Every structure is written in structure tokens, then in C-alpha cells.
């Protein structure tokens, strides 16, 4: 499954069902660029179990503020619309898999 791009307008719809890992990122962020291929790879591995969603914090400030995203990349795990886990900064794929697997 490809990564899903979310906006302030469709964010709640994107995370309302199942498990989603949301990457709060920005195009100018170095660590965000480093984690992008990791997330693309992870999306293939967790297909059918979790969704990987990307939200550009520059274009979607309301959602970033709602979840108190202060540094990027921030990765928040949502289960049925509720935030259940959070990691900040670059993480290796194995670490992200561990965080996600606790919730499906």
C-alpha cells in the first residue's frame, strides 16, 4: 500500500479506523527526508495491518497543533482515531515495527 497523504481537512477520516502511523513532517526537514524511504518500506510490510499516513506540518498547522507536535519528524500511532503511541525523531524500521505491532 502506498503512503497516504493527509491534510487538516481529511485527517480524521484517514485515521478513524484501524491502526495508522502518522508521520508529521516538512519538506525542509533533514531527518524527515531520511525517514521517508524507511516509511515507504514499512508501508509494504504492514499492509493490511496498519496504514502509514504523512502530514506536512507547514501546510496543515491545525492538526500539528492539535497533537502538540513540537519537533519533526514526530510519528504518532492512532488506533480507531485515538492517539496511542508517539515517537520523535528518526527511528530505524525495526523500532517502528515494534511500536506499531503493539497496537494491532
Protein backbone atom coordinates (compact mmCIF):
# COMPACT_ATOMS: atom_id res chain seq x y z
CA UNK A 1 0.00 0.00 0.00
CA UNK A 2 1.26 3.45 -0.84
CA UNK A 3 1.69 6.12 1.77
CA UNK A 4 -1.42 8.21 2.32
CA UNK A 5 -1.11 12.00 2.31
CA UNK A 6 -3.37 13.65 4.86
CA UNK A 7 -4.49 17.25 5.27
CA UNK A 8 -6.26 19.20 8.01
CA UNK A 9 -9.47 18.64 6.04
CA UNK A 10 -9.27 14.83 5.77
CA UNK A 11 -7.08 13.85 8.75
CA UNK A 12 -9.84 12.46 10.98
CA UNK A 13 -11.19 10.40 8.08
CA UNK A 14 -7.72 8.93 7.39
CA UNK A 15 -7.17 7.70 10.97
CA UNK A 16 -10.70 6.82 12.11
CA UNK A 17 -10.48 3.04 11.57
CA UNK A 18 -7.77 0.55 12.43
CA UNK A 19 -4.13 1.33 13.17
CA UNK A 20 -2.36 4.25 11.49
CA UNK A 21 1.18 5.55 11.88
CA UNK A 22 1.17 9.27 11.09
CA UNK A 23 4.41 10.97 10.08
CA UNK A 24 4.29 14.68 10.93
CA UNK A 25 6.97 16.10 8.63
CA UNK A 26 8.09 19.05 6.48
CA UNK A 27 9.94 19.19 3.14
CA UNK A 28 12.87 21.19 4.60
CA UNK A 29 13.49 18.73 7.48
CA UNK A 30 16.65 16.59 7.06
CA UNK A 31 15.63 13.74 9.40
CA UNK A 32 12.19 13.72 7.70
CA UNK A 33 13.91 13.07 4.37
CA UNK A 34 15.95 10.28 5.98
CA UNK A 35 12.88 8.52 7.38
CA UNK A 36 10.79 8.78 4.18
CA UNK A 37 12.25 5.64 2.49
CA UNK A 38 12.01 3.76 5.80
CA UNK A 39 8.28 4.55 5.95
CA UNK A 40 7.75 3.53 2.32
CA UNK A 41 9.39 0.19 3.05
CA UNK A 42 7.42 -0.21 6.28
CA UNK A 43 4.14 0.50 4.46
CA UNK A 44 4.70 -2.62 2.32
CA UNK A 45 5.46 -4.78 5.38
CA UNK A 46 2.41 -3.70 7.41
CA UNK A 47 -0.09 -3.68 4.54
CA UNK A 48 -3.41 -5.00 5.78
CA UNK A 49 -2.43 -4.38 9.43
CA UNK A 50 -1.72 -0.65 9.54
CA UNK A 51 -1.74 2.47 7.36
CA UNK A 52 1.17 4.85 7.00
CA UNK A 53 -0.02 8.46 6.72
CA UNK A 54 2.08 11.57 6.05
CA UNK A 55 1.04 15.05 7.15
CA UNK A 56 3.03 18.13 6.07
CA UNK A 57 3.09 20.34 9.19
CA UNK A 58 3.74 23.52 7.20
CA UNK A 59 0.58 23.07 5.14
CA UNK A 60 -1.54 21.57 7.93
CA UNK A 61 -0.74 23.52 11.07
CA UNK A 62 -4.09 22.96 12.78
CA UNK A 63 -3.64 19.19 13.00
CA UNK A 64 0.00 19.51 14.08
CA UNK A 65 -1.05 21.93 16.84
CA UNK A 66 -3.92 19.67 17.94
CA UNK A 67 -1.47 16.83 18.60
CA UNK A 68 1.17 19.15 20.10
CA UNK A 69 3.83 18.36 17.51
CA UNK A 70 6.83 20.45 18.59
CA UNK A 71 9.64 18.73 16.66
CA UNK A 72 9.69 16.79 13.45
CA UNK A 73 9.63 14.08 12.45
CA UNK A 74 7.06 13.11 15.06
CA UNK A 75 5.37 9.76 14.48
CA UNK A 76 2.09 9.13 16.26
CA UNK A 77 0.27 5.80 16.26
CA UNK A 78 -3.52 6.07 16.15
CA UNK A 79 -5.92 3.22 16.82
CA UNK A 80 -9.52 3.84 15.73
CA UNK A 81 -8.93 7.61 15.80
CA UNK A 82 -7.22 7.79 19.21
CA UNK A 83 -3.51 8.57 19.69
CA UNK A 84 -1.99 5.55 21.46
CA UNK A 85 1.78 5.93 20.97
CA UNK A 86 4.34 8.53 19.92
CA UNK A 87 8.00 8.63 18.89
CA UNK A 88 10.03 11.70 17.98
CA UNK A 89 12.99 11.83 15.62
CA UNK A 90 14.45 9.39 13.12
CA UNK A 91 13.75 5.75 14.00
CA UNK A 92 15.01 2.61 12.27
CA UNK A 93 12.40 0.43 10.58
CA UNK A 94 12.69 -2.30 13.24
CA UNK A 95 11.89 0.20 16.00
CA UNK A 96 8.82 1.48 14.13
CA UNK A 97 7.64 -2.10 13.52
CA UNK A 98 7.89 -2.80 17.27
CA UNK A 99 5.91 0.32 18.17
CA UNK A 100 3.21 -0.48 15.59
CA UNK A 101 2.92 -4.19 16.38
CA UNK A 102 1.81 -3.41 19.96
CA UNK A 103 -1.42 -1.97 18.57
CA UNK A 104 -2.78 -4.44 16.02
